C-alpha atoms as a PDB file:
ATOM      1  CA  MET A   1      63.216 -23.328 -20.158  1.00  0.00           C
ATOM      2  CA  THR A   2      62.956 -19.553 -19.960  1.00  0.00           C
ATOM      3  CA  ARG A   3      64.596 -17.275 -17.457  1.00  0.00           C
ATOM      4  CA  SER A   4      62.736 -16.422 -14.243  1.00  0.00           C
ATOM      5  CA  LEU A   5      60.531 -13.332 -14.491  1.00  0.00           C
ATOM      6  CA  LYS A   6      61.944 -11.863 -11.290  1.00  0.00           C
ATOM      7  CA  LYS A   7      65.447 -11.945 -12.792  1.00  0.00           C
ATOM      8  CA  GLY A   8      64.443 -10.265 -16.047  1.00  0.00           C
ATOM      9  CA  PRO A   9      65.982 -10.789 -19.496  1.00  0.00           C
ATOM     10  CA  TYR A  10      69.715 -11.383 -19.859  1.00  0.00           C
ATOM     11  CA  ILE A  11      71.504  -8.591 -21.699  1.00  0.00           C
ATOM     12  CA  TYR A  12      75.283  -8.345 -21.836  1.00  0.00           C
ATOM     13  CA  GLN A  13      76.094  -4.955 -20.275  1.00  0.00           C
ATOM     14  CA  LYS A  14      79.046  -4.178 -22.566  1.00  0.00           C
ATOM     15  CA  LEU A  15      76.747  -4.754 -25.530  1.00  0.00           C
ATOM     16  CA  LEU A  16      74.316  -2.130 -24.217  1.00  0.00           C
ATOM     17  CA  GLU A  17      77.203   0.300 -23.757  1.00  0.00           C
ATOM     18  CA  LYS A  18      78.271  -0.295 -27.380  1.00  0.00           C
ATOM     19  CA  VAL A  19      74.704   0.367 -28.547  1.00  0.00           C
ATOM     20  CA  LYS A  20      74.650   3.700 -26.724  1.00  0.00           C
ATOM     21  CA  LYS A  21      78.040   4.753 -28.169  1.00  0.00           C
ATOM     22  CA  THR A  22      77.610   3.803 -31.825  1.00  0.00           C
ATOM     23  CA  LYS A  23      75.502   5.227 -34.633  1.00  0.00           C
ATOM     24  CA  PRO A  24      72.761   3.106 -36.261  1.00  0.00           C
ATOM     25  CA  GLY A  25      74.701   2.644 -39.527  1.00  0.00           C
ATOM     26  CA  GLU A  26      77.697   0.887 -37.969  1.00  0.00           C
ATOM     27  CA  ILE A  27      78.021  -2.862 -37.353  1.00  0.00           C
ATOM     28  CA  ILE A  28      78.447  -3.897 -33.710  1.00  0.00           C
ATOM     29  CA  LYS A  29      80.409  -7.148 -33.445  1.00  0.00           C
ATOM     30  CA  THR A  30      79.387  -9.458 -30.614  1.00  0.00           C
ATOM     31  CA  TRP A  31      79.934 -12.985 -29.364  1.00  0.00           C
ATOM     32  CA  SER A  32      76.996 -12.674 -26.953  1.00  0.00           C
ATOM     33  CA  ARG A  33      74.457 -14.855 -28.753  1.00  0.00           C
ATOM     34  CA  ASP A  34      72.398 -15.322 -25.579  1.00  0.00           C
ATOM     35  CA  SER A  35      71.611 -11.623 -25.131  1.00  0.00           C
ATOM     36  CA  VAL A  36      67.941 -10.719 -25.494  1.00  0.00           C
ATOM     37  CA  ILE A  37      67.060  -8.039 -28.061  1.00  0.00           C
ATOM     38  CA  THR A  38      65.645  -4.912 -26.406  1.00  0.00           C
ATOM     39  CA  PRO A  39      63.777  -1.931 -27.915  1.00  0.00           C
ATOM     40  CA  GLU A  40      66.955   0.185 -27.655  1.00  0.00           C
ATOM     41  CA  MET A  41      68.603  -2.107 -30.229  1.00  0.00           C
ATOM     42  CA  ILE A  42      66.051  -1.481 -32.998  1.00  0.00           C
ATOM     43  CA  GLY A  43      67.673  -0.101 -36.144  1.00  0.00           C
ATOM     44  CA  PHE A  44      71.195  -1.284 -35.301  1.00  0.00           C
ATOM     45  CA  THR A  45      73.097  -3.964 -37.191  1.00  0.00           C
ATOM     46  CA  PHE A  46      74.915  -6.580 -35.136  1.00  0.00           C
ATOM     47  CA  GLY A  47      77.646  -8.891 -36.348  1.00  0.00           C
ATOM     48  CA  VAL A  48      76.688 -12.042 -34.439  1.00  0.00           C
ATOM     49  CA  HIS A  49      79.432 -14.668 -34.288  1.00  0.00           C
ATOM     50  CA  ASN A  50      78.362 -18.158 -35.328  1.00  0.00           C
ATOM     51  CA  GLY A  51      81.619 -19.904 -34.435  1.00  0.00           C
ATOM     52  CA  ARG A  52      83.348 -19.168 -37.718  1.00  0.00           C
ATOM     53  CA  GLU A  53      82.291 -15.726 -38.940  1.00  0.00           C
ATOM     54  CA  PHE A  54      80.162 -12.727 -38.046  1.00  0.00           C
ATOM     55  CA  ILE A  55      76.665 -12.838 -39.545  1.00  0.00           C
ATOM     56  CA  PRO A  56      75.087  -9.364 -39.974  1.00  0.00           C
ATOM     57  CA  VAL A  57      71.713  -9.124 -38.213  1.00  0.00           C
ATOM     58  CA  LYS A  58      69.626  -5.958 -38.684  1.00  0.00           C
ATOM     59  CA  VAL A  59      67.292  -5.629 -35.692  1.00  0.00           C
ATOM     60  CA  THR A  60      63.627  -4.821 -36.346  1.00  0.00           C
ATOM     61  CA  GLU A  61      60.603  -4.446 -34.070  1.00  0.00           C
ATOM     62  CA  GLU A  62      59.494  -8.054 -34.562  1.00  0.00           C
ATOM     63  CA  MET A  63      62.793  -9.319 -33.092  1.00  0.00           C
ATOM     64  CA  VAL A  64      62.336  -7.719 -29.656  1.00  0.00           C
ATOM     65  CA  GLY A  65      62.279 -10.411 -26.970  1.00  0.00           C
ATOM     66  CA  HIS A  66      64.209 -12.949 -29.047  1.00  0.00           C
ATOM     67  CA  LYS A  67      67.901 -13.735 -28.627  1.00  0.00           C
ATOM     68  CA  LEU A  68      70.614 -12.605 -31.048  1.00  0.00           C
ATOM     69  CA  GLY A  69      71.752 -16.183 -31.656  1.00  0.00           C
ATOM     70  CA  GLU A  70      68.390 -17.131 -33.154  1.00  0.00           C
ATOM     71  CA  PHE A  71      69.186 -15.071 -36.256  1.00  0.00           C
ATOM     72  CA  SER A  72      72.707 -16.400 -36.790  1.00  0.00           C
ATOM     73  CA  PRO A  73      72.617 -20.135 -37.595  1.00  0.00           C
ATOM     74  CA  THR A  74      75.640 -22.138 -36.461  1.00  0.00           C
ATOM     75  CA  THR A  75      75.219 -25.106 -38.768  1.00  0.00           C
ATOM     76  CA  LYS A  76      74.827 -25.326 -42.518  1.00  0.00           C
ATOM     77  CA  PHE A  77      71.882 -27.380 -43.762  1.00  0.00           C
ATOM     78  CA  SER A  78      73.157 -29.658 -46.500  1.00  0.00           C
ATOM     79  CA  ARG A  79      69.897 -31.381 -47.517  1.00  0.00           C
ATOM     80  CA  HIS A  80      68.017 -34.576 -46.975  1.00  0.00           C
ATOM     81  CA  GLY A  81      69.363 -37.203 -49.292  1.00  0.00           C
ATOM     82  CA  GLY A  82      68.207 -40.298 -51.043  1.00  0.00           C
ATOM     83  CA  ARG A  83      67.043 -41.346 -54.482  1.00  0.00           C
ATOM     84  CA  MET A  84      63.584 -39.798 -54.131  1.00  0.00           C
ATOM     85  CA  GLN A  85      65.067 -36.410 -53.240  1.00  0.00           C
ATOM     86  CA  ARG A  86      67.371 -36.467 -56.289  1.00  0.00           C
ATOM     87  CA  GLU A  87      64.416 -37.295 -58.545  1.00  0.00           C
ATOM     88  CA  LEU A  88      62.360 -34.421 -57.114  1.00  0.00           C
ATOM     89  CA  GLU A  89      65.241 -31.992 -57.584  1.00  0.00           C
ATOM     90  CA  ALA A  90      65.744 -33.176 -61.180  1.00  0.00           C
ATOM     91  CA  LYS A  91      62.074 -32.450 -61.959  1.00  0.00           C
ATOM     92  CA  VAL A  92      62.377 -28.961 -60.480  1.00  0.00           C
ATOM     93  CA  THR A  93      65.472 -28.168 -62.530  1.00  0.00           C
ATOM     94  CA  GLU A  94      63.748 -29.431 -65.699  1.00  0.00           C
ATOM     95  CA  LYS A  95      60.788 -27.111 -65.057  1.00  0.00           C
ATOM     96  CA  GLU A  96      63.115 -24.167 -64.458  1.00  0.00           C
ATOM     97  CA  ALA A  97      65.034 -24.935 -67.663  1.00  0.00           C
ATOM     98  CA  ALA A  98      61.777 -25.101 -69.615  1.00  0.00           C
ATOM     99  CA  GLN A  99      60.695 -21.709 -68.233  1.00  0.00           C
ATOM    100  CA  ILE A 100      64.037 -20.149 -69.139  1.00  0.00           C
ATOM    101  CA  LYS A 101      63.733 -21.439 -72.730  1.00  0.00           C
ATOM    102  CA  GLN A 102      60.214 -19.999 -73.057  1.00  0.00           C
ATOM    103  CA  THR A 103      60.967 -16.514 -71.788  1.00  0.00           C
ATOM    104  CA  PRO A 104      63.386 -15.394 -74.595  1.00  0.00           C
ATOM    105  CA  GLU A 105      60.911 -16.531 -77.259  1.00  0.00           C
ATOM    106  CA  GLU A 106      58.080 -14.569 -75.619  1.00  0.00           C
ATOM    107  CA  LYS A 107      60.216 -11.447 -75.407  1.00  0.00           C
ATOM    108  CA  SER A 108      61.174 -11.544 -79.092  1.00  0.00           C
ATOM    109  CA  GLU A 109      57.530 -11.701 -80.243  1.00  0.00           C
END
């Protein structure tokens, strides 16, 4: 559920102060994943903490209105398993290997 319109978006105040103090080339480290991205943040790079490390997030115009945590995943996707998945992956690797073998021959001709 979204935040009430009368309250406005949540933005950590110390984060806004850091944005005003720093230059656009520097990385701003933050643990505030629930802060909403505002137009003042465009062009800055944030190091958003995912629980283990800081993930660099460069803010663009399309990100305004979203939260910082959306661009810093907290879990690592391993993959869906099973025999069928292994067979599909084996076919893909065979195709890639075949393409790699063809490219040096084409270049030499």
